[in-house]
Amino acid sequence: MAAICFLVSRRKINYCSIWFCAGIVFLFLYYIVWTRYFAGGRDTALLEKKFGPIPMPLTVFPVLYFLCAAIWLHNVPAVIFMIIFGIAHNIVSYRSLS
């Protein structure tokens, strides 16, 4: 996240970009999963429950959101960091659920 904030590209930002729209969708899905958790009485089983075909949605959606944001902002270092973070975050989350 720091790479997105501090390593800024000077290229023009396009708000009609597919990456911007995809990021908004992933952020919205992330909020839906949290809403499901709180509306479901804060049952911890809901945190690891699949969301449609997506396993571990609380690890997948934020990574995809930040990855889309980094691509949209033309921030190559942030894209690299998010790919590494995404792989590590999903491995650690998968192991903790097993």
PDB file of N, CA and C in Angstrom:
ATOM      1  N   MET A   1       0.828  -1.176   0.000  1.00  0.00           N
ATOM      2  CA  MET A   1       0.000   0.000   0.000  1.00  0.00           C
ATOM      3  C   MET A   1       0.879   1.247   0.000  1.00  0.00           C
ATOM      4  N   ALA A   2       1.998   1.183   0.687  1.00  0.00           N
ATOM      5  CA  ALA A   2       2.894   2.338   0.717  1.00  0.00           C
ATOM      6  C   ALA A   2       3.437   2.644  -0.673  1.00  0.00           C
ATOM      7  N   ALA A   3       3.702   1.600  -1.458  1.00  0.00           N
ATOM      8  CA  ALA A   3       4.202   1.812  -2.819  1.00  0.00           C
ATOM      9  C   ALA A   3       3.172   2.554  -3.665  1.00  0.00           C
ATOM     10  N   ILE A   4       1.896   2.272  -3.460  1.00  0.00           N
ATOM     11  CA  ILE A   4       0.854   2.969  -4.208  1.00  0.00           C
ATOM     12  C   ILE A   4       0.790   4.433  -3.791  1.00  0.00           C
ATOM     13  N   CYS A   5       1.004   4.695  -2.507  1.00  0.00           N
ATOM     14  CA  CYS A   5       0.902   6.071  -2.002  1.00  0.00           C
ATOM     15  C   CYS A   5       2.130   6.920  -2.305  1.00  0.00           C
ATOM     16  N   PHE A   6       3.320   6.323  -2.214  1.00  0.00           N
ATOM     17  CA  PHE A   6       4.541   7.128  -2.290  1.00  0.00           C
ATOM     18  C   PHE A   6       5.270   7.048  -3.628  1.00  0.00           C
ATOM     19  N   LEU A   7       5.066   5.994  -4.375  1.00  0.00           N
ATOM     20  CA  LEU A   7       5.697   5.881  -5.697  1.00  0.00           C
ATOM     21  C   LEU A   7       4.656   6.237  -6.741  1.00  0.00           C
ATOM     22  N   VAL A   8       4.608   7.489  -7.093  1.00  0.00           N
ATOM     23  CA  VAL A   8       3.547   8.007  -7.951  1.00  0.00           C
ATOM     24  C   VAL A   8       4.053   8.165  -9.379  1.00  0.00           C
ATOM     25  N   SER A   9       3.286   7.657 -10.318  1.00  0.00           N
ATOM     26  CA  SER A   9       3.595   7.813 -11.737  1.00  0.00           C
ATOM     27  C   SER A   9       3.121   9.186 -12.209  1.00  0.00           C
ATOM     28  N   ARG A  10       3.794   9.714 -13.185  1.00  0.00           N
ATOM     29  CA  ARG A  10       3.408  11.018 -13.722  1.00  0.00           C
ATOM     30  C   ARG A  10       2.461  10.875 -14.922  1.00  0.00           C
ATOM     31  N   ARG A  11       2.145   9.623 -15.279  1.00  0.00           N
ATOM     32  CA  ARG A  11       1.230   9.415 -16.407  1.00  0.00           C
ATOM     33  C   ARG A  11      -0.188   9.817 -16.029  1.00  0.00           C
ATOM     34  N   LYS A  12      -0.939  10.242 -17.027  1.00  0.00           N
ATOM     35  CA  LYS A  12      -2.321  10.670 -16.820  1.00  0.00           C
ATOM     36  C   LYS A  12      -3.186   9.476 -16.396  1.00  0.00           C
ATOM     37  N   ILE A  13      -4.065   9.724 -15.438  1.00  0.00           N
ATOM     38  CA  ILE A  13      -4.958   8.678 -14.924  1.00  0.00           C
ATOM     39  C   ILE A  13      -6.268   8.720 -15.708  1.00  0.00           C
ATOM     40  N   ASN A  14      -6.712   7.559 -16.142  1.00  0.00           N
ATOM     41  CA  ASN A  14      -7.952   7.433 -16.897  1.00  0.00           C
ATOM     42  C   ASN A  14      -9.018   6.816 -15.996  1.00  0.00           C
ATOM     43  N   TYR A  15     -10.036   7.589 -15.649  1.00  0.00           N
ATOM     44  CA  TYR A  15     -11.090   7.095 -14.773  1.00  0.00           C
ATOM     45  C   TYR A  15     -12.069   6.166 -15.490  1.00  0.00           C
ATOM     46  N   CYS A  16     -11.938   6.009 -16.784  1.00  0.00           N
ATOM     47  CA  CYS A  16     -12.767   5.080 -17.547  1.00  0.00           C
ATOM     48  C   CYS A  16     -12.015   3.780 -17.822  1.00  0.00           C
ATOM     49  N   SER A  17     -10.898   3.590 -17.162  1.00  0.00           N
ATOM     50  CA  SER A  17     -10.073   2.404 -17.359  1.00  0.00           C
ATOM     51  C   SER A  17     -10.758   1.156 -16.813  1.00  0.00           C
ATOM     52  N   ILE A  18     -10.522   0.044 -17.464  1.00  0.00           N
ATOM     53  CA  ILE A  18     -11.047  -1.237 -16.990  1.00  0.00           C
ATOM     54  C   ILE A  18     -10.451  -1.592 -15.632  1.00  0.00           C
ATOM     55  N   TRP A  19      -9.211  -1.173 -15.383  1.00  0.00           N
ATOM     56  CA  TRP A  19      -8.557  -1.462 -14.096  1.00  0.00           C
ATOM     57  C   TRP A  19      -9.205  -0.684 -12.959  1.00  0.00           C
ATOM     58  N   PHE A  20      -9.622   0.540 -13.222  1.00  0.00           N
ATOM     59  CA  PHE A  20     -10.328   1.325 -12.219  1.00  0.00           C
ATOM     60  C   PHE A  20     -11.664   0.663 -11.886  1.00  0.00           C
ATOM     61  N   CYS A  21     -12.392   0.284 -12.914  1.00  0.00           N
ATOM     62  CA  CYS A  21     -13.697  -0.364 -12.718  1.00  0.00           C
ATOM     63  C   CYS A  21     -13.557  -1.705 -12.006  1.00  0.00           C
ATOM     64  N   ALA A  22     -12.560  -2.493 -12.385  1.00  0.00           N
ATOM     65  CA  ALA A  22     -12.333  -3.784 -11.729  1.00  0.00           C
ATOM     66  C   ALA A  22     -11.978  -3.582 -10.260  1.00  0.00           C
ATOM     67  N   GLY A  23     -11.158  -2.584  -9.974  1.00  0.00           N
ATOM     68  CA  GLY A  23     -10.811  -2.294  -8.586  1.00  0.00           C
ATOM     69  C   GLY A  23     -12.033  -1.937  -7.761  1.00  0.00           C
ATOM     70  N   ILE A  24     -12.916  -1.129  -8.313  1.00  0.00           N
ATOM     71  CA  ILE A  24     -14.152  -0.763  -7.610  1.00  0.00           C
ATOM     72  C   ILE A  24     -14.994  -2.005  -7.344  1.00  0.00           C
ATOM     73  N   VAL A  25     -15.080  -2.904  -8.314  1.00  0.00           N
ATOM     74  CA  VAL A  25     -15.849  -4.142  -8.138  1.00  0.00           C
ATOM     75  C   VAL A  25     -15.257  -4.983  -7.011  1.00  0.00           C
ATOM     76  N   PHE A  26     -13.930  -5.159  -6.989  1.00  0.00           N
ATOM     77  CA  PHE A  26     -13.296  -5.970  -5.944  1.00  0.00           C
ATOM     78  C   PHE A  26     -13.454  -5.323  -4.568  1.00  0.00           C
ATOM     79  N   LEU A  27     -13.382  -4.005  -4.498  1.00  0.00           N
ATOM     80  CA  LEU A  27     -13.594  -3.315  -3.228  1.00  0.00           C
ATOM     81  C   LEU A  27     -15.035  -3.510  -2.758  1.00  0.00           C
ATOM     82  N   PHE A  28     -15.984  -3.399  -3.662  1.00  0.00           N
ATOM     83  CA  PHE A  28     -17.396  -3.607  -3.344  1.00  0.00           C
ATOM     84  C   PHE A  28     -17.630  -5.039  -2.848  1.00  0.00           C
ATOM     85  N   LEU A  29     -17.025  -6.023  -3.531  1.00  0.00           N
ATOM     86  CA  LEU A  29     -17.167  -7.423  -3.105  1.00  0.00           C
ATOM     87  C   LEU A  29     -16.568  -7.645  -1.721  1.00  0.00           C
ATOM     88  N   TYR A  30     -15.448  -6.990  -1.454  1.00  0.00           N
ATOM     89  CA  TYR A  30     -14.817  -7.080  -0.142  1.00  0.00           C
ATOM     90  C   TYR A  30     -15.769  -6.566   0.942  1.00  0.00           C
ATOM     91  N   TYR A  31     -16.408  -5.436   0.688  1.00  0.00           N
ATOM     92  CA  TYR A  31     -17.354  -4.881   1.653  1.00  0.00           C
ATOM     93  C   TYR A  31     -18.580  -5.779   1.816  1.00  0.00           C
ATOM     94  N   ILE A  32     -19.002  -6.419   0.747  1.00  0.00           N
ATOM     95  CA  ILE A  32     -20.134  -7.347   0.846  1.00  0.00           C
ATOM     96  C   ILE A  32     -19.787  -8.515   1.764  1.00  0.00           C
ATOM     97  N   VAL A  33     -18.576  -9.033   1.644  1.00  0.00           N
ATOM     98  CA  VAL A  33     -18.174 -10.159   2.497  1.00  0.00           C
ATOM     99  C   VAL A  33     -18.138  -9.728   3.964  1.00  0.00           C
ATOM    100  N   TRP A  34     -17.636  -8.522   4.239  1.00  0.00           N
ATOM    101  CA  TRP A  34     -17.647  -8.038   5.619  1.00  0.00           C
ATOM    102  C   TRP A  34     -19.070  -7.799   6.113  1.00  0.00           C
ATOM    103  N   THR A  35     -19.938  -7.309   5.251  1.00  0.00           N
ATOM    104  CA  THR A  35     -21.345  -7.117   5.617  1.00  0.00           C
ATOM    105  C   THR A  35     -21.989  -8.455   5.941  1.00  0.00           C
ATOM    106  N   ARG A  36     -21.678  -9.475   5.153  1.00  0.00           N
ATOM    107  CA  ARG A  36     -22.196 -10.821   5.427  1.00  0.00           C
ATOM    108  C   ARG A  36     -21.754 -11.286   6.807  1.00  0.00           C
ATOM    109  N   TYR A  37     -20.507 -11.019   7.147  1.00  0.00           N
ATOM    110  CA  TYR A  37     -19.968 -11.411   8.448  1.00  0.00           C
ATOM    111  C   TYR A  37     -20.706 -10.716   9.591  1.00  0.00           C
ATOM    112  N   PHE A  38     -20.861  -9.390   9.504  1.00  0.00           N
ATOM    113  CA  PHE A  38     -21.520  -8.662  10.582  1.00  0.00           C
ATOM    114  C   PHE A  38     -23.019  -8.949  10.633  1.00  0.00           C
ATOM    115  N   ALA A  39     -23.654  -9.083   9.481  1.00  0.00           N
ATOM    116  CA  ALA A  39     -25.083  -9.409   9.447  1.00  0.00           C
ATOM    117  C   ALA A  39     -25.339 -10.832   9.932  1.00  0.00           C
ATOM    118  N   GLY A  40     -24.335 -11.695   9.801  1.00  0.00           N
ATOM    119  CA  GLY A  40     -24.460 -13.085  10.244  1.00  0.00           C
ATOM    120  C   GLY A  40     -24.121 -13.286  11.704  1.00  0.00           C
ATOM    121  N   GLY A  41     -24.091 -12.207  12.472  1.00  0.00           N
ATOM    122  CA  GLY A  41     -23.836 -12.315  13.897  1.00  0.00           C
ATOM    123  C   GLY A  41     -22.375 -12.474  14.262  1.00  0.00           C
ATOM    124  N   ARG A  42     -21.490 -12.058  13.383  1.00  0.00           N
ATOM    125  CA  ARG A  42     -20.042 -12.147  13.589  1.00  0.00           C
ATOM    126  C   ARG A  42     -19.573 -13.574  13.867  1.00  0.00           C
ATOM    127  N   ASP A  43     -20.156 -14.492  13.139  1.00  0.00           N
ATOM    128  CA  ASP A  43     -19.755 -15.897  13.212  1.00  0.00           C
ATOM    129  C   ASP A  43     -18.433 -16.057  12.465  1.00  0.00           C
ATOM    130  N   THR A  44     -17.391 -16.509  13.148  1.00  0.00           N
ATOM    131  CA  THR A  44     -16.072 -16.601  12.516  1.00  0.00           C
ATOM    132  C   THR A  44     -16.039 -17.578  11.349  1.00  0.00           C
ATOM    133  N   ALA A  45     -16.979 -18.505  11.298  1.00  0.00           N
ATOM    134  CA  ALA A  45     -17.045 -19.429  10.155  1.00  0.00           C
ATOM    135  C   ALA A  45     -17.333 -18.667   8.859  1.00  0.00           C
ATOM    136  N   LEU A  46     -18.009 -17.524   8.969  1.00  0.00           N
ATOM    137  CA  LEU A  46     -18.300 -16.724   7.780  1.00  0.00           C
ATOM    138  C   LEU A  46     -17.048 -16.076   7.199  1.00  0.00           C
ATOM    139  N   LEU A  47     -16.006 -15.903   8.005  1.00  0.00           N
ATOM    140  CA  LEU A  47     -14.778 -15.292   7.515  1.00  0.00           C
ATOM    141  C   LEU A  47     -14.049 -16.193   6.519  1.00  0.00           C
ATOM    142  N   GLU A  48     -14.205 -17.486   6.676  1.00  0.00           N
ATOM    143  CA  GLU A  48     -13.514 -18.413   5.779  1.00  0.00           C
ATOM    144  C   GLU A  48     -14.449 -19.075   4.772  1.00  0.00           C
ATOM    145  N   LYS A  49     -15.729 -18.713   4.818  1.00  0.00           N
ATOM    146  CA  LYS A  49     -16.714 -19.297   3.907  1.00  0.00           C
ATOM    147  C   LYS A  49     -16.512 -18.762   2.495  1.00  0.00           C
ATOM    148  N   LYS A  50     -16.682 -19.636   1.511  1.00  0.00           N
ATOM    149  CA  LYS A  50     -16.562 -19.235   0.113  1.00  0.00           C
ATOM    150  C   LYS A  50     -17.610 -18.178  -0.219  1.00  0.00           C
ATOM    151  N   PHE A  51     -17.263 -17.321  -1.155  1.00  0.00           N
ATOM    152  CA  PHE A  51     -18.193 -16.320  -1.666  1.00  0.00           C
ATOM    153  C   PHE A  51     -18.401 -16.657  -3.133  1.00  0.00           C
ATOM    154  N   GLY A  52     -19.484 -17.364  -3.406  1.00  0.00           N
ATOM    155  CA  GLY A  52     -19.680 -17.895  -4.757  1.00  0.00           C
ATOM    156  C   GLY A  52     -18.580 -18.897  -5.026  1.00  0.00           C
ATOM    157  N   PRO A  53     -17.884 -18.775  -6.147  1.00  0.00           N
ATOM    158  CA  PRO A  53     -16.796 -19.716  -6.442  1.00  0.00           C
ATOM    159  C   PRO A  53     -15.449 -19.316  -5.827  1.00  0.00           C
ATOM    160  N   ILE A  54     -15.410 -18.184  -5.116  1.00  0.00           N
ATOM    161  CA  ILE A  54     -14.144 -17.642  -4.611  1.00  0.00           C
ATOM    162  C   ILE A  54     -13.862 -18.167  -3.207  1.00  0.00           C
ATOM    163  N   PRO A  55     -12.803 -18.965  -3.047  1.00  0.00           N
ATOM    164  CA  PRO A  55     -12.412 -19.389  -1.698  1.00  0.00           C
ATOM    165  C   PRO A  55     -11.651 -18.254  -1.016  1.00  0.00           C
ATOM    166  N   MET A  56     -11.750 -18.179   0.276  1.00  0.00           N
ATOM    167  CA  MET A  56     -11.045 -17.169   1.082  1.00  0.00           C
ATOM    168  C   MET A  56     -11.221 -15.754   0.525  1.00  0.00           C
ATOM    169  N   PRO A  57     -12.456 -15.284   0.417  1.00  0.00           N
ATOM    170  CA  PRO A  57     -12.674 -13.983  -0.223  1.00  0.00           C
ATOM    171  C   PRO A  57     -12.025 -12.809   0.504  1.00  0.00           C
ATOM    172  N   LEU A  58     -11.827 -12.917   1.799  1.00  0.00           N
ATOM    173  CA  LEU A  58     -11.218 -11.805   2.529  1.00  0.00           C
ATOM    174  C   LEU A  58      -9.711 -11.729   2.315  1.00  0.00           C
ATOM    175  N   THR A  59      -9.132 -12.736   1.694  1.00  0.00           N
ATOM    176  CA  THR A  59      -7.725 -12.639   1.309  1.00  0.00           C
ATOM    177  C   THR A  59      -7.583 -12.334  -0.178  1.00  0.00           C
ATOM    178  N   VAL A  60      -8.539 -12.765  -0.962  1.00  0.00           N
ATOM    179  CA  VAL A  60      -8.455 -12.594  -2.418  1.00  0.00           C
ATOM    180  C   VAL A  60      -8.873 -11.187  -2.851  1.00  0.00           C
ATOM    181  N   PHE A  61     -10.010 -10.706  -2.362  1.00  0.00           N
ATOM    182  CA  PHE A  61     -10.556  -9.438  -2.844  1.00  0.00           C
ATOM    183  C   PHE A  61      -9.665  -8.222  -2.558  1.00  0.00           C
ATOM    184  N   PRO A  62      -9.104  -8.072  -1.349  1.00  0.00           N
ATOM    185  CA  PRO A  62      -8.261  -6.881  -1.152  1.00  0.00           C
ATOM    186  C   PRO A  62      -6.986  -6.909  -1.987  1.00  0.00           C
ATOM    187  N   VAL A  63      -6.427  -8.094  -2.168  1.00  0.00           N
ATOM    188  CA  VAL A  63      -5.223  -8.201  -3.005  1.00  0.00           C
ATOM    189  C   VAL A  63      -5.548  -7.818  -4.442  1.00  0.00           C
ATOM    190  N   LEU A  64      -6.668  -8.310  -4.949  1.00  0.00           N
ATOM    191  CA  LEU A  64      -7.063  -7.960  -6.316  1.00  0.00           C
ATOM    192  C   LEU A  64      -7.390  -6.472  -6.441  1.00  0.00           C
ATOM    193  N   TYR A  65      -7.982  -5.900  -5.408  1.00  0.00           N
ATOM    194  CA  TYR A  65      -8.271  -4.466  -5.426  1.00  0.00           C
ATOM    195  C   TYR A  65      -6.976  -3.657  -5.536  1.00  0.00           C
ATOM    196  N   PHE A  66      -6.014  -3.934  -4.667  1.00  0.00           N
ATOM    197  CA  PHE A  66      -4.765  -3.178  -4.691  1.00  0.00           C
ATOM    198  C   PHE A  66      -3.952  -3.458  -5.953  1.00  0.00           C
ATOM    199  N   LEU A  67      -4.035  -4.663  -6.472  1.00  0.00           N
ATOM    200  CA  LEU A  67      -3.355  -4.975  -7.731  1.00  0.00           C
ATOM    201  C   LEU A  67      -3.958  -4.151  -8.871  1.00  0.00           C
ATOM    202  N   CYS A  68      -5.280  -4.111  -8.943  1.00  0.00           N
ATOM    203  CA  CYS A  68      -5.941  -3.299  -9.976  1.00  0.00           C
ATOM    204  C   CYS A  68      -5.604  -1.818  -9.810  1.00  0.00           C
ATOM    205  N   ALA A  69      -5.569  -1.340  -8.564  1.00  0.00           N
ATOM    206  CA  ALA A  69      -5.227   0.061  -8.318  1.00  0.00           C
ATOM    207  C   ALA A  69      -3.808   0.359  -8.774  1.00  0.00           C
ATOM    208  N   ALA A  70      -2.889  -0.549  -8.500  1.00  0.00           N
ATOM    209  CA  ALA A  70      -1.495  -0.339  -8.901  1.00  0.00           C
ATOM    210  C   ALA A  70      -1.363  -0.321 -10.423  1.00  0.00           C
ATOM    211  N   ILE A  71      -2.062  -1.223 -11.097  1.00  0.00           N
ATOM    212  CA  ILE A  71      -2.022  -1.243 -12.565  1.00  0.00           C
ATOM    213  C   ILE A  71      -2.659   0.031 -13.119  1.00  0.00           C
ATOM    214  N   TRP A  72      -3.793   0.409 -12.566  1.00  0.00           N
ATOM    215  CA  TRP A  72      -4.503   1.611 -13.021  1.00  0.00           C
ATOM    216  C   TRP A  72      -3.639   2.853 -12.858  1.00  0.00           C
ATOM    217  N   LEU A  73      -2.874   2.914 -11.769  1.00  0.00           N
ATOM    218  CA  LEU A  73      -2.025   4.071 -11.502  1.00  0.00           C
ATOM    219  C   LEU A  73      -0.657   3.992 -12.179  1.00  0.00           C
ATOM    220  N   HIS A  74      -0.446   2.970 -13.010  1.00  0.00           N
ATOM    221  CA  HIS A  74       0.806   2.780 -13.744  1.00  0.00           C
ATOM    222  C   HIS A  74       2.001   2.690 -12.789  1.00  0.00           C
ATOM    223  N   ASN A  75       1.805   1.964 -11.694  1.00  0.00           N
ATOM    224  CA  ASN A  75       2.806   1.876 -10.644  1.00  0.00           C
ATOM    225  C   ASN A  75       3.420   0.480 -10.652  1.00  0.00           C
ATOM    226  N   VAL A  76       4.461   0.295 -11.448  1.00  0.00           N
ATOM    227  CA  VAL A  76       5.079  -1.030 -11.631  1.00  0.00           C
ATOM    228  C   VAL A  76       5.637  -1.595 -10.326  1.00  0.00           C
ATOM    229  N   PRO A  77       6.349  -0.815  -9.501  1.00  0.00           N
ATOM    230  CA  PRO A  77       6.821  -1.390  -8.236  1.00  0.00           C
ATOM    231  C   PRO A  77       5.677  -1.900  -7.354  1.00  0.00           C
ATOM    232  N   ALA A  78       4.583  -1.165  -7.313  1.00  0.00           N
ATOM    233  CA  ALA A  78       3.438  -1.594  -6.514  1.00  0.00           C
ATOM    234  C   ALA A  78       2.820  -2.870  -7.083  1.00  0.00           C
ATOM    235  N   VAL A  79       2.798  -3.005  -8.397  1.00  0.00           N
ATOM    236  CA  VAL A  79       2.282  -4.235  -9.019  1.00  0.00           C
ATOM    237  C   VAL A  79       3.132  -5.425  -8.579  1.00  0.00           C
ATOM    238  N   ILE A  80       4.443  -5.266  -8.615  1.00  0.00           N
ATOM    239  CA  ILE A  80       5.351  -6.344  -8.203  1.00  0.00           C
ATOM    240  C   ILE A  80       5.141  -6.680  -6.734  1.00  0.00           C
ATOM    241  N   PHE A  81       5.057  -5.646  -5.881  1.00  0.00           N
ATOM    242  CA  PHE A  81       4.830  -5.878  -4.453  1.00  0.00           C
ATOM    243  C   PHE A  81       3.503  -6.588  -4.215  1.00  0.00           C
ATOM    244  N   MET A  82       2.465  -6.197  -4.942  1.00  0.00           N
ATOM    245  CA  MET A  82       1.149  -6.809  -4.729  1.00  0.00           C
ATOM    246  C   MET A  82       1.114  -8.257  -5.195  1.00  0.00           C
ATOM    247  N   ILE A  83       1.826  -8.584  -6.247  1.00  0.00           N
ATOM    248  CA  ILE A  83       1.878  -9.982  -6.684  1.00  0.00           C
ATOM    249  C   ILE A  83       2.568 -10.823  -5.615  1.00  0.00           C
ATOM    250  N   ILE A  84       3.700 -10.335  -5.106  1.00  0.00           N
ATOM    251  CA  ILE A  84       4.417 -11.064  -4.058  1.00  0.00           C
ATOM    252  C   ILE A  84       3.558 -11.151  -2.801  1.00  0.00           C
ATOM    253  N   PHE A  85       2.980 -10.022  -2.389  1.00  0.00           N
ATOM    254  CA  PHE A  85       2.141 -10.018  -1.200  1.00  0.00           C
ATOM    255  C   PHE A  85       0.934 -10.938  -1.383  1.00  0.00           C
ATOM    256  N   GLY A  86       0.306 -10.891  -2.540  1.00  0.00           N
ATOM    257  CA  GLY A  86      -0.872 -11.720  -2.792  1.00  0.00           C
ATOM    258  C   GLY A  86      -0.575 -13.200  -2.670  1.00  0.00           C
ATOM    259  N   ILE A  87       0.535 -13.630  -3.230  1.00  0.00           N
ATOM    260  CA  ILE A  87       0.916 -15.038  -3.135  1.00  0.00           C
ATOM    261  C   ILE A  87       1.165 -15.416  -1.679  1.00  0.00           C
ATOM    262  N   ALA A  88       1.967 -14.610  -0.980  1.00  0.00           N
ATOM    263  CA  ALA A  88       2.287 -14.901   0.419  1.00  0.00           C
ATOM    264  C   ALA A  88       1.045 -14.845   1.304  1.00  0.00           C
ATOM    265  N   HIS A  89       0.216 -13.841   1.110  1.00  0.00           N
ATOM    266  CA  HIS A  89      -0.987 -13.672   1.929  1.00  0.00           C
ATOM    267  C   HIS A  89      -1.945 -14.845   1.755  1.00  0.00           C
ATOM    268  N   ASN A  90      -2.117 -15.302   0.540  1.00  0.00           N
ATOM    269  CA  ASN A  90      -3.015 -16.424   0.306  1.00  0.00           C
ATOM    270  C   ASN A  90      -2.446 -17.731   0.852  1.00  0.00           C
ATOM    271  N   ILE A  91      -1.146 -17.935   0.763  1.00  0.00           N
ATOM    272  CA  ILE A  91      -0.534 -19.145   1.326  1.00  0.00           C
ATOM    273  C   ILE A  91      -0.691 -19.153   2.845  1.00  0.00           C
ATOM    274  N   VAL A  92      -0.369 -18.042   3.483  1.00  0.00           N
ATOM    275  CA  VAL A  92      -0.483 -17.966   4.949  1.00  0.00           C
ATOM    276  C   VAL A  92      -1.935 -18.142   5.386  1.00  0.00           C
ATOM    277  N   SER A  93      -2.864 -17.510   4.691  1.00  0.00           N
ATOM    278  CA  SER A  93      -4.279 -17.634   5.045  1.00  0.00           C
ATOM    279  C   SER A  93      -4.764 -19.061   4.842  1.00  0.00           C
ATOM    280  N   TYR A  94      -4.370 -19.691   3.766  1.00  0.00           N
ATOM    281  CA  TYR A  94      -4.778 -21.078   3.510  1.00  0.00           C
ATOM    282  C   TYR A  94      -4.249 -22.008   4.600  1.00  0.00           C
ATOM    283  N   ARG A  95      -2.989 -21.819   4.978  1.00  0.00           N
ATOM    284  CA  ARG A  95      -2.412 -22.668   6.038  1.00  0.00           C
ATOM    285  C   ARG A  95      -3.089 -22.437   7.379  1.00  0.00           C
ATOM    286  N   SER A  96      -3.475 -21.213   7.669  1.00  0.00           N
ATOM    287  CA  SER A  96      -4.114 -20.939   8.954  1.00  0.00           C
ATOM    288  C   SER A  96      -5.536 -21.502   9.016  1.00  0.00           C
ATOM    289  N   LEU A  97      -6.162 -21.670   7.866  1.00  0.00           N
ATOM    290  CA  LEU A  97      -7.514 -22.244   7.830  1.00  0.00           C
ATOM    291  C   LEU A  97      -7.493 -23.764   7.874  1.00  0.00           C
ATOM    292  N   SER A  98      -6.391 -24.358   7.490  1.00  0.00           N
ATOM    293  CA  SER A  98      -6.310 -25.828   7.452  1.00  0.00           C
ATOM    294  C   SER A  98      -6.097 -26.416   8.820  1.00  0.00           C
TER     295      SER A  98
END
